[in-house]
Amino acid sequence: MNAKADFYFNEDKKWKEAVAQLRLVVLDCGLSEELKWGVPCYTLQGNNIVLIHDFKEYCALLFFKGALLNDPDGILVHQTEIHRQPGKFGSAMCWK
């Protein structure tokens, strides 16, 4: 965990529990945590891999170059031509 990113997770917000759980899942993958653009960014060997972001109605993992991910079940949502995210999380129960 990164002390600079802690402020993001300590803020009182609607998706506080869900983003905290996403943080644990992402860190368990061996990625390094940084704070970029005001949100937690996870990297591997200095390369951006995924962001955790909360919005008004949902929270999400936003994958850099997500269009390159194999997605046979169609779980990912195309945000742009190169970014994809998992289906929007409305609660922590979505991934349990």
PDB file of N, CA and C in Angstrom:
ATOM      1  N   MET A   1       0.843  -1.185   0.000  1.00  0.00           N
ATOM      2  CA  MET A   1       0.000   0.000   0.000  1.00  0.00           C
ATOM      3  C   MET A   1       0.882   1.241   0.000  1.00  0.00           C
ATOM      4  N   ASN A   2       0.347   2.285  -0.573  1.00  0.00           N
ATOM      5  CA  ASN A   2       1.083   3.532  -0.727  1.00  0.00           C
ATOM      6  C   ASN A   2       0.430   4.598   0.149  1.00  0.00           C
ATOM      7  N   ALA A   3       1.213   5.214   1.019  1.00  0.00           N
ATOM      8  CA  ALA A   3       0.676   6.229   1.936  1.00  0.00           C
ATOM      9  C   ALA A   3       0.031   7.391   1.191  1.00  0.00           C
ATOM     10  N   LYS A   4       0.555   7.748   0.014  1.00  0.00           N
ATOM     11  CA  LYS A   4      -0.034   8.845  -0.764  1.00  0.00           C
ATOM     12  C   LYS A   4      -1.425   8.485  -1.271  1.00  0.00           C
ATOM     13  N   ALA A   5      -1.661   7.210  -1.527  1.00  0.00           N
ATOM     14  CA  ALA A   5      -2.968   6.772  -2.015  1.00  0.00           C
ATOM     15  C   ALA A   5      -3.966   6.591  -0.876  1.00  0.00           C
ATOM     16  N   ASP A   6      -3.473   6.478   0.349  1.00  0.00           N
ATOM     17  CA  ASP A   6      -4.363   6.250   1.490  1.00  0.00           C
ATOM     18  C   ASP A   6      -5.457   7.304   1.604  1.00  0.00           C
ATOM     19  N   PHE A   7      -5.134   8.574   1.279  1.00  0.00           N
ATOM     20  CA  PHE A   7      -6.143   9.628   1.427  1.00  0.00           C
ATOM     21  C   PHE A   7      -7.368   9.324   0.568  1.00  0.00           C
ATOM     22  N   TYR A   8      -7.156   8.744  -0.615  1.00  0.00           N
ATOM     23  CA  TYR A   8      -8.266   8.416  -1.510  1.00  0.00           C
ATOM     24  C   TYR A   8      -9.202   7.410  -0.843  1.00  0.00           C
ATOM     25  N   PHE A   9      -8.618   6.415  -0.203  1.00  0.00           N
ATOM     26  CA  PHE A   9      -9.406   5.352   0.415  1.00  0.00           C
ATOM     27  C   PHE A   9      -9.980   5.760   1.763  1.00  0.00           C
ATOM     28  N   ASN A  10      -9.426   6.785   2.390  1.00  0.00           N
ATOM     29  CA  ASN A  10      -9.911   7.236   3.692  1.00  0.00           C
ATOM     30  C   ASN A  10     -11.009   8.283   3.596  1.00  0.00           C
ATOM     31  N   GLU A  11     -11.230   8.837   2.404  1.00  0.00           N
ATOM     32  CA  GLU A  11     -12.302   9.823   2.228  1.00  0.00           C
ATOM     33  C   GLU A  11     -13.654   9.162   2.463  1.00  0.00           C
ATOM     34  N   ASP A  12     -14.580   9.925   3.039  1.00  0.00           N
ATOM     35  CA  ASP A  12     -15.931   9.421   3.244  1.00  0.00           C
ATOM     36  C   ASP A  12     -16.687   9.560   1.930  1.00  0.00           C
ATOM     37  N   LYS A  13     -16.977   8.441   1.302  1.00  0.00           N
ATOM     38  CA  LYS A  13     -17.661   8.463   0.009  1.00  0.00           C
ATOM     39  C   LYS A  13     -18.586   7.261  -0.111  1.00  0.00           C
ATOM     40  N   LYS A  14     -19.477   7.321  -1.049  1.00  0.00           N
ATOM     41  CA  LYS A  14     -20.481   6.277  -1.240  1.00  0.00           C
ATOM     42  C   LYS A  14     -19.857   4.899  -1.456  1.00  0.00           C
ATOM     43  N   TRP A  15     -18.784   4.824  -2.199  1.00  0.00           N
ATOM     44  CA  TRP A  15     -18.186   3.542  -2.585  1.00  0.00           C
ATOM     45  C   TRP A  15     -16.950   3.188  -1.768  1.00  0.00           C
ATOM     46  N   LYS A  16     -16.849   3.723  -0.565  1.00  0.00           N
ATOM     47  CA  LYS A  16     -15.645   3.529   0.259  1.00  0.00           C
ATOM     48  C   LYS A  16     -15.319   2.049   0.468  1.00  0.00           C
ATOM     49  N   GLU A  17     -16.288   1.251   0.868  1.00  0.00           N
ATOM     50  CA  GLU A  17     -16.043  -0.177   1.115  1.00  0.00           C
ATOM     51  C   GLU A  17     -15.670  -0.902  -0.173  1.00  0.00           C
ATOM     52  N   ALA A  18     -16.369  -0.612  -1.239  1.00  0.00           N
ATOM     53  CA  ALA A  18     -16.113  -1.302  -2.509  1.00  0.00           C
ATOM     54  C   ALA A  18     -14.723  -0.986  -3.054  1.00  0.00           C
ATOM     55  N   VAL A  19     -14.308   0.286  -3.029  1.00  0.00           N
ATOM     56  CA  VAL A  19     -12.981   0.617  -3.558  1.00  0.00           C
ATOM     57  C   VAL A  19     -11.885   0.063  -2.654  1.00  0.00           C
ATOM     58  N   ALA A  20     -12.142  -0.029  -1.355  1.00  0.00           N
ATOM     59  CA  ALA A  20     -11.163  -0.628  -0.444  1.00  0.00           C
ATOM     60  C   ALA A  20     -10.972  -2.107  -0.769  1.00  0.00           C
ATOM     61  N   GLN A  21     -12.051  -2.798  -1.098  1.00  0.00           N
ATOM     62  CA  GLN A  21     -11.947  -4.210  -1.467  1.00  0.00           C
ATOM     63  C   GLN A  21     -11.263  -4.375  -2.818  1.00  0.00           C
ATOM     64  N   LEU A  22     -11.564  -3.498  -3.761  1.00  0.00           N
ATOM     65  CA  LEU A  22     -10.868  -3.546  -5.053  1.00  0.00           C
ATOM     66  C   LEU A  22      -9.368  -3.344  -4.856  1.00  0.00           C
ATOM     67  N   ARG A  23      -9.017  -2.443  -3.959  1.00  0.00           N
ATOM     68  CA  ARG A  23      -7.600  -2.188  -3.665  1.00  0.00           C
ATOM     69  C   ARG A  23      -6.897  -3.470  -3.231  1.00  0.00           C
ATOM     70  N   LEU A  24      -7.519  -4.213  -2.324  1.00  0.00           N
ATOM     71  CA  LEU A  24      -6.916  -5.452  -1.837  1.00  0.00           C
ATOM     72  C   LEU A  24      -6.764  -6.479  -2.955  1.00  0.00           C
ATOM     73  N   VAL A  25      -7.766  -6.574  -3.807  1.00  0.00           N
ATOM     74  CA  VAL A  25      -7.708  -7.515  -4.932  1.00  0.00           C
ATOM     75  C   VAL A  25      -6.564  -7.154  -5.868  1.00  0.00           C
ATOM     76  N   VAL A  26      -6.458  -5.880  -6.220  1.00  0.00           N
ATOM     77  CA  VAL A  26      -5.420  -5.442  -7.156  1.00  0.00           C
ATOM     78  C   VAL A  26      -4.028  -5.614  -6.542  1.00  0.00           C
ATOM     79  N   LEU A  27      -3.871  -5.244  -5.282  1.00  0.00           N
ATOM     80  CA  LEU A  27      -2.565  -5.396  -4.634  1.00  0.00           C
ATOM     81  C   LEU A  27      -2.165  -6.864  -4.519  1.00  0.00           C
ATOM     82  N   ASP A  28      -3.143  -7.742  -4.374  1.00  0.00           N
ATOM     83  CA  ASP A  28      -2.867  -9.178  -4.291  1.00  0.00           C
ATOM     84  C   ASP A  28      -2.305  -9.722  -5.605  1.00  0.00           C
ATOM     85  N   CYS A  29      -2.452  -8.965  -6.677  1.00  0.00           N
ATOM     86  CA  CYS A  29      -1.911  -9.369  -7.985  1.00  0.00           C
ATOM     87  C   CYS A  29      -0.438  -8.995  -8.135  1.00  0.00           C
ATOM     88  N   GLY A  30       0.132  -8.352  -7.125  1.00  0.00           N
ATOM     89  CA  GLY A  30       1.548  -8.002  -7.176  1.00  0.00           C
ATOM     90  C   GLY A  30       1.863  -6.691  -7.869  1.00  0.00           C
ATOM     91  N   LEU A  31       0.852  -5.862  -8.083  1.00  0.00           N
ATOM     92  CA  LEU A  31       1.076  -4.563  -8.719  1.00  0.00           C
ATOM     93  C   LEU A  31       1.517  -3.533  -7.687  1.00  0.00           C
ATOM     94  N   SER A  32       2.225  -2.521  -8.130  1.00  0.00           N
ATOM     95  CA  SER A  32       2.653  -1.417  -7.269  1.00  0.00           C
ATOM     96  C   SER A  32       1.592  -0.328  -7.286  1.00  0.00           C
ATOM     97  N   GLU A  33       1.357   0.281  -6.132  1.00  0.00           N
ATOM     98  CA  GLU A  33       0.330   1.311  -6.002  1.00  0.00           C
ATOM     99  C   GLU A  33       0.960   2.695  -6.007  1.00  0.00           C
ATOM    100  N   GLU A  34       0.390   3.576  -6.819  1.00  0.00           N
ATOM    101  CA  GLU A  34       0.806   4.972  -6.878  1.00  0.00           C
ATOM    102  C   GLU A  34      -0.451   5.827  -6.906  1.00  0.00           C
ATOM    103  N   LEU A  35      -0.282   7.121  -6.745  1.00  0.00           N
ATOM    104  CA  LEU A  35      -1.390   8.049  -6.902  1.00  0.00           C
ATOM    105  C   LEU A  35      -1.101   8.886  -8.134  1.00  0.00           C
ATOM    106  N   LYS A  36      -1.960   8.759  -9.147  1.00  0.00           N
ATOM    107  CA  LYS A  36      -1.813   9.535 -10.382  1.00  0.00           C
ATOM    108  C   LYS A  36      -3.178  10.114 -10.735  1.00  0.00           C
ATOM    109  N   TRP A  37      -3.184  11.352 -11.169  1.00  0.00           N
ATOM    110  CA  TRP A  37      -4.426  12.017 -11.572  1.00  0.00           C
ATOM    111  C   TRP A  37      -5.445  12.039 -10.441  1.00  0.00           C
ATOM    112  N   GLY A  38      -4.974  11.979  -9.194  1.00  0.00           N
ATOM    113  CA  GLY A  38      -5.846  12.033  -8.033  1.00  0.00           C
ATOM    114  C   GLY A  38      -6.536  10.730  -7.686  1.00  0.00           C
ATOM    115  N   VAL A  39      -6.197   9.647  -8.378  1.00  0.00           N
ATOM    116  CA  VAL A  39      -6.797   8.337  -8.109  1.00  0.00           C
ATOM    117  C   VAL A  39      -5.698   7.279  -8.007  1.00  0.00           C
ATOM    118  N   PRO A  40      -5.996   6.157  -7.359  1.00  0.00           N
ATOM    119  CA  PRO A  40      -5.006   5.089  -7.261  1.00  0.00           C
ATOM    120  C   PRO A  40      -4.725   4.481  -8.635  1.00  0.00           C
ATOM    121  N   CYS A  41      -3.452   4.370  -8.941  1.00  0.00           N
ATOM    122  CA  CYS A  41      -3.001   3.787 -10.202  1.00  0.00           C
ATOM    123  C   CYS A  41      -2.073   2.630  -9.858  1.00  0.00           C
ATOM    124  N   TYR A  42      -2.250   1.519 -10.535  1.00  0.00           N
ATOM    125  CA  TYR A  42      -1.459   0.320 -10.257  1.00  0.00           C
ATOM    126  C   TYR A  42      -0.583   0.020 -11.459  1.00  0.00           C
ATOM    127  N   THR A  43       0.688  -0.225 -11.159  1.00  0.00           N
ATOM    128  CA  THR A  43       1.684  -0.382 -12.212  1.00  0.00           C
ATOM    129  C   THR A  43       2.438  -1.696 -12.057  1.00  0.00           C
ATOM    130  N   LEU A  44       3.060  -2.103 -13.150  1.00  0.00           N
ATOM    131  CA  LEU A  44       3.943  -3.264 -13.161  1.00  0.00           C
ATOM    132  C   LEU A  44       5.184  -2.858 -13.932  1.00  0.00           C
ATOM    133  N   GLN A  45       6.317  -2.900 -13.281  1.00  0.00           N
ATOM    134  CA  GLN A  45       7.594  -2.520 -13.883  1.00  0.00           C
ATOM    135  C   GLN A  45       7.517  -1.127 -14.518  1.00  0.00           C
ATOM    136  N   GLY A  46       6.847  -0.208 -13.814  1.00  0.00           N
ATOM    137  CA  GLY A  46       6.745   1.172 -14.270  1.00  0.00           C
ATOM    138  C   GLY A  46       5.677   1.438 -15.315  1.00  0.00           C
ATOM    139  N   ASN A  47       4.954   0.417 -15.730  1.00  0.00           N
ATOM    140  CA  ASN A  47       3.897   0.579 -16.738  1.00  0.00           C
ATOM    141  C   ASN A  47       2.530   0.622 -16.068  1.00  0.00           C
ATOM    142  N   ASN A  48       1.699   1.602 -16.446  1.00  0.00           N
ATOM    143  CA  ASN A  48       0.342   1.705 -15.916  1.00  0.00           C
ATOM    144  C   ASN A  48      -0.476   0.503 -16.362  1.00  0.00           C
ATOM    145  N   ILE A  49      -1.183  -0.122 -15.405  1.00  0.00           N
ATOM    146  CA  ILE A  49      -2.013  -1.285 -15.702  1.00  0.00           C
ATOM    147  C   ILE A  49      -3.492  -0.974 -15.492  1.00  0.00           C
ATOM    148  N   VAL A  50      -3.843  -0.442 -14.312  1.00  0.00           N
ATOM    149  CA  VAL A  50      -5.252  -0.249 -13.983  1.00  0.00           C
ATOM    150  C   VAL A  50      -5.407   0.889 -12.970  1.00  0.00           C
ATOM    151  N   LEU A  51      -6.532   1.587 -13.056  1.00  0.00           N
ATOM    152  CA  LEU A  51      -6.923   2.619 -12.090  1.00  0.00           C
ATOM    153  C   LEU A  51      -8.131   2.120 -11.310  1.00  0.00           C
ATOM    154  N   ILE A  52      -8.255   2.562 -10.082  1.00  0.00           N
ATOM    155  CA  ILE A  52      -9.506   2.400  -9.335  1.00  0.00           C
ATOM    156  C   ILE A  52     -10.140   3.779  -9.292  1.00  0.00           C
ATOM    157  N   HIS A  53     -11.408   3.837  -9.644  1.00  0.00           N
ATOM    158  CA  HIS A  53     -12.085   5.137  -9.678  1.00  0.00           C
ATOM    159  C   HIS A  53     -13.517   4.957  -9.202  1.00  0.00           C
ATOM    160  N   ASP A  54     -14.004   5.927  -8.445  1.00  0.00           N
ATOM    161  CA  ASP A  54     -15.410   5.896  -8.054  1.00  0.00           C
ATOM    162  C   ASP A  54     -16.131   7.056  -8.729  1.00  0.00           C
ATOM    163  N   PHE A  55     -17.346   6.769  -9.113  1.00  0.00           N
ATOM    164  CA  PHE A  55     -18.201   7.743  -9.770  1.00  0.00           C
ATOM    165  C   PHE A  55     -19.471   7.891  -8.935  1.00  0.00           C
ATOM    166  N   LYS A  56     -20.383   8.713  -9.367  1.00  0.00           N
ATOM    167  CA  LYS A  56     -21.603   8.949  -8.603  1.00  0.00           C
ATOM    168  C   LYS A  56     -22.424   7.667  -8.439  1.00  0.00           C
ATOM    169  N   GLU A  57     -22.580   6.904  -9.504  1.00  0.00           N
ATOM    170  CA  GLU A  57     -23.464   5.740  -9.484  1.00  0.00           C
ATOM    171  C   GLU A  57     -22.755   4.393  -9.410  1.00  0.00           C
ATOM    172  N   TYR A  58     -21.434   4.375  -9.504  1.00  0.00           N
ATOM    173  CA  TYR A  58     -20.707   3.102  -9.481  1.00  0.00           C
ATOM    174  C   TYR A  58     -19.227   3.347  -9.250  1.00  0.00           C
ATOM    175  N   CYS A  59     -18.508   2.268  -8.997  1.00  0.00           N
ATOM    176  CA  CYS A  59     -17.050   2.340  -8.962  1.00  0.00           C
ATOM    177  C   CYS A  59     -16.530   1.344  -9.992  1.00  0.00           C
ATOM    178  N   ALA A  60     -15.278   1.519 -10.395  1.00  0.00           N
ATOM    179  CA  ALA A  60     -14.780   0.703 -11.502  1.00  0.00           C
ATOM    180  C   ALA A  60     -13.275   0.522 -11.453  1.00  0.00           C
ATOM    181  N   LEU A  61     -12.832  -0.539 -12.100  1.00  0.00           N
ATOM    182  CA  LEU A  61     -11.432  -0.726 -12.459  1.00  0.00           C
ATOM    183  C   LEU A  61     -11.318  -0.277 -13.904  1.00  0.00           C
ATOM    184  N   LEU A  62     -10.377   0.594 -14.203  1.00  0.00           N
ATOM    185  CA  LEU A  62     -10.182   1.087 -15.567  1.00  0.00           C
ATOM    186  C   LEU A  62      -8.829   0.586 -16.049  1.00  0.00           C
ATOM    187  N   PHE A  63      -8.838  -0.329 -17.004  1.00  0.00           N
ATOM    188  CA  PHE A  63      -7.601  -0.928 -17.502  1.00  0.00           C
ATOM    189  C   PHE A  63      -7.001  -0.107 -18.633  1.00  0.00           C
ATOM    190  N   PHE A  64      -5.722   0.203 -18.512  1.00  0.00           N
ATOM    191  CA  PHE A  64      -4.992   0.809 -19.617  1.00  0.00           C
ATOM    192  C   PHE A  64      -4.813  -0.287 -20.668  1.00  0.00           C
ATOM    193  N   LYS A  65      -5.022   0.034 -21.917  1.00  0.00           N
ATOM    194  CA  LYS A  65      -4.910  -0.935 -23.011  1.00  0.00           C
ATOM    195  C   LYS A  65      -5.811  -2.150 -22.780  1.00  0.00           C
ATOM    196  N   GLY A  66      -6.957  -1.901 -22.185  1.00  0.00           N
ATOM    197  CA  GLY A  66      -7.900  -2.975 -21.897  1.00  0.00           C
ATOM    198  C   GLY A  66      -8.416  -3.673 -23.134  1.00  0.00           C
ATOM    199  N   ALA A  67      -8.361  -3.002 -24.279  1.00  0.00           N
ATOM    200  CA  ALA A  67      -8.815  -3.623 -25.526  1.00  0.00           C
ATOM    201  C   ALA A  67      -7.957  -4.830 -25.883  1.00  0.00           C
ATOM    202  N   LEU A  68      -6.767  -4.922 -25.304  1.00  0.00           N
ATOM    203  CA  LEU A  68      -5.888  -6.057 -25.580  1.00  0.00           C
ATOM    204  C   LEU A  68      -6.198  -7.265 -24.702  1.00  0.00           C
ATOM    205  N   LEU A  69      -7.081  -7.099 -23.711  1.00  0.00           N
ATOM    206  CA  LEU A  69      -7.421  -8.201 -22.814  1.00  0.00           C
ATOM    207  C   LEU A  69      -8.346  -9.195 -23.502  1.00  0.00           C
ATOM    208  N   ASN A  70      -8.102 -10.465 -23.267  1.00  0.00           N
ATOM    209  CA  ASN A  70      -8.980 -11.519 -23.755  1.00  0.00           C
ATOM    210  C   ASN A  70     -10.255 -11.477 -22.911  1.00  0.00           C
ATOM    211  N   ASP A  71     -11.410 -11.388 -23.540  1.00  0.00           N
ATOM    212  CA  ASP A  71     -12.678 -11.245 -22.828  1.00  0.00           C
ATOM    213  C   ASP A  71     -13.750 -12.121 -23.474  1.00  0.00           C
ATOM    214  N   PRO A  72     -13.591 -13.449 -23.419  1.00  0.00           N
ATOM    215  CA  PRO A  72     -14.539 -14.330 -24.099  1.00  0.00           C
ATOM    216  C   PRO A  72     -15.963 -14.258 -23.546  1.00  0.00           C
ATOM    217  N   ASP A  73     -16.128 -13.848 -22.285  1.00  0.00           N
ATOM    218  CA  ASP A  73     -17.464 -13.768 -21.692  1.00  0.00           C
ATOM    219  C   ASP A  73     -18.106 -12.391 -21.826  1.00  0.00           C
ATOM    220  N   GLY A  74     -17.409 -11.449 -22.449  1.00  0.00           N
ATOM    221  CA  GLY A  74     -17.970 -10.118 -22.663  1.00  0.00           C
ATOM    222  C   GLY A  74     -18.225  -9.339 -21.387  1.00  0.00           C
ATOM    223  N   ILE A  75     -17.371  -9.517 -20.394  1.00  0.00           N
ATOM    224  CA  ILE A  75     -17.539  -8.848 -19.105  1.00  0.00           C
ATOM    225  C   ILE A  75     -17.101  -7.388 -19.160  1.00  0.00           C
ATOM    226  N   LEU A  76     -16.108  -7.087 -19.981  1.00  0.00           N
ATOM    227  CA  LEU A  76     -15.544  -5.740 -20.018  1.00  0.00           C
ATOM    228  C   LEU A  76     -16.388  -4.789 -20.859  1.00  0.00           C
ATOM    229  N   VAL A  77     -16.402  -3.532 -20.439  1.00  0.00           N
ATOM    230  CA  VAL A  77     -17.134  -2.473 -21.132  1.00  0.00           C
ATOM    231  C   VAL A  77     -16.117  -1.614 -21.861  1.00  0.00           C
ATOM    232  N   HIS A  78     -16.340  -1.368 -23.154  1.00  0.00           N
ATOM    233  CA  HIS A  78     -15.432  -0.513 -23.924  1.00  0.00           C
ATOM    234  C   HIS A  78     -15.716   0.937 -23.590  1.00  0.00           C
ATOM    235  N   GLN A  79     -14.714   1.599 -23.035  1.00  0.00           N
ATOM    236  CA  GLN A  79     -14.834   3.015 -22.729  1.00  0.00           C
ATOM    237  C   GLN A  79     -14.370   3.839 -23.918  1.00  0.00           C
ATOM    238  N   THR A  80     -13.220   3.459 -24.443  1.00  0.00           N
ATOM    239  CA  THR A  80     -12.664   4.065 -25.653  1.00  0.00           C
ATOM    240  C   THR A  80     -12.084   2.916 -26.467  1.00  0.00           C
ATOM    241  N   GLU A  81     -11.420   3.220 -27.556  1.00  0.00           N
ATOM    242  CA  GLU A  81     -10.858   2.151 -28.378  1.00  0.00           C
ATOM    243  C   GLU A  81      -9.775   1.355 -27.669  1.00  0.00           C
ATOM    244  N   ILE A  82      -9.062   1.981 -26.719  1.00  0.00           N
ATOM    245  CA  ILE A  82      -7.988   1.241 -26.055  1.00  0.00           C
ATOM    246  C   ILE A  82      -8.263   0.945 -24.584  1.00  0.00           C
ATOM    247  N   HIS A  83      -9.251   1.604 -23.981  1.00  0.00           N
ATOM    248  CA  HIS A  83      -9.556   1.382 -22.569  1.00  0.00           C
ATOM    249  C   HIS A  83     -10.814   0.534 -22.434  1.00  0.00           C
ATOM    250  N   ARG A  84     -10.758  -0.412 -21.509  1.00  0.00           N
ATOM    251  CA  ARG A  84     -11.949  -1.174 -21.157  1.00  0.00           C
ATOM    252  C   ARG A  84     -11.988  -1.299 -19.646  1.00  0.00           C
ATOM    253  N   GLN A  85     -13.178  -1.490 -19.135  1.00  0.00           N
ATOM    254  CA  GLN A  85     -13.341  -1.670 -17.703  1.00  0.00           C
ATOM    255  C   GLN A  85     -14.280  -2.841 -17.474  1.00  0.00           C
ATOM    256  N   PRO A  86     -14.192  -3.466 -16.296  1.00  0.00           N
ATOM    257  CA  PRO A  86     -15.168  -4.510 -15.990  1.00  0.00           C
ATOM    258  C   PRO A  86     -16.540  -3.877 -15.890  1.00  0.00           C
ATOM    259  N   GLY A  87     -17.571  -4.695 -15.894  1.00  0.00           N
ATOM    260  CA  GLY A  87     -18.903  -4.169 -15.675  1.00  0.00           C
ATOM    261  C   GLY A  87     -18.906  -3.294 -14.437  1.00  0.00           C
ATOM    262  N   LYS A  88     -19.733  -2.312 -14.406  1.00  0.00           N
ATOM    263  CA  LYS A  88     -19.745  -1.351 -13.309  1.00  0.00           C
ATOM    264  C   LYS A  88     -20.134  -2.046 -12.009  1.00  0.00           C
ATOM    265  N   PHE A  89     -19.406  -1.754 -10.946  1.00  0.00           N
ATOM    266  CA  PHE A  89     -19.671  -2.357  -9.650  1.00  0.00           C
ATOM    267  C   PHE A  89     -20.640  -1.490  -8.872  1.00  0.00           C
ATOM    268  N   GLY A  90     -21.804  -2.039  -8.561  1.00  0.00           N
ATOM    269  CA  GLY A  90     -22.773  -1.323  -7.752  1.00  0.00           C
ATOM    270  C   GLY A  90     -22.642  -1.653  -6.279  1.00  0.00           C
ATOM    271  N   SER A  91     -21.889  -2.716  -5.975  1.00  0.00           N
ATOM    272  CA  SER A  91     -21.616  -3.082  -4.584  1.00  0.00           C
ATOM    273  C   SER A  91     -20.474  -4.077  -4.566  1.00  0.00           C
ATOM    274  N   ALA A  92     -19.937  -4.297  -3.390  1.00  0.00           N
ATOM    275  CA  ALA A  92     -18.850  -5.262  -3.249  1.00  0.00           C
ATOM    276  C   ALA A  92     -19.335  -6.675  -3.555  1.00  0.00           C
ATOM    277  N   MET A  93     -20.611  -6.922  -3.461  1.00  0.00           N
ATOM    278  CA  MET A  93     -21.157  -8.256  -3.724  1.00  0.00           C
ATOM    279  C   MET A  93     -20.955  -8.683  -5.169  1.00  0.00           C
ATOM    280  N   CYS A  94     -20.704  -7.757  -6.061  1.00  0.00           N
ATOM    281  CA  CYS A  94     -20.556  -8.075  -7.480  1.00  0.00           C
ATOM    282  C   CYS A  94     -19.398  -9.015  -7.757  1.00  0.00           C
ATOM    283  N   TRP A  95     -18.360  -8.995  -6.940  1.00  0.00           N
ATOM    284  CA  TRP A  95     -17.206  -9.830  -7.241  1.00  0.00           C
ATOM    285  C   TRP A  95     -16.936 -10.887  -6.182  1.00  0.00           C
ATOM    286  N   LYS A  96     -17.847 -11.064  -5.251  1.00  0.00           N
ATOM    287  CA  LYS A  96     -17.660 -12.098  -4.225  1.00  0.00           C
ATOM    288  C   LYS A  96     -18.080 -13.447  -4.761  1.00  0.00           C
TER     289      LYS A  96
END
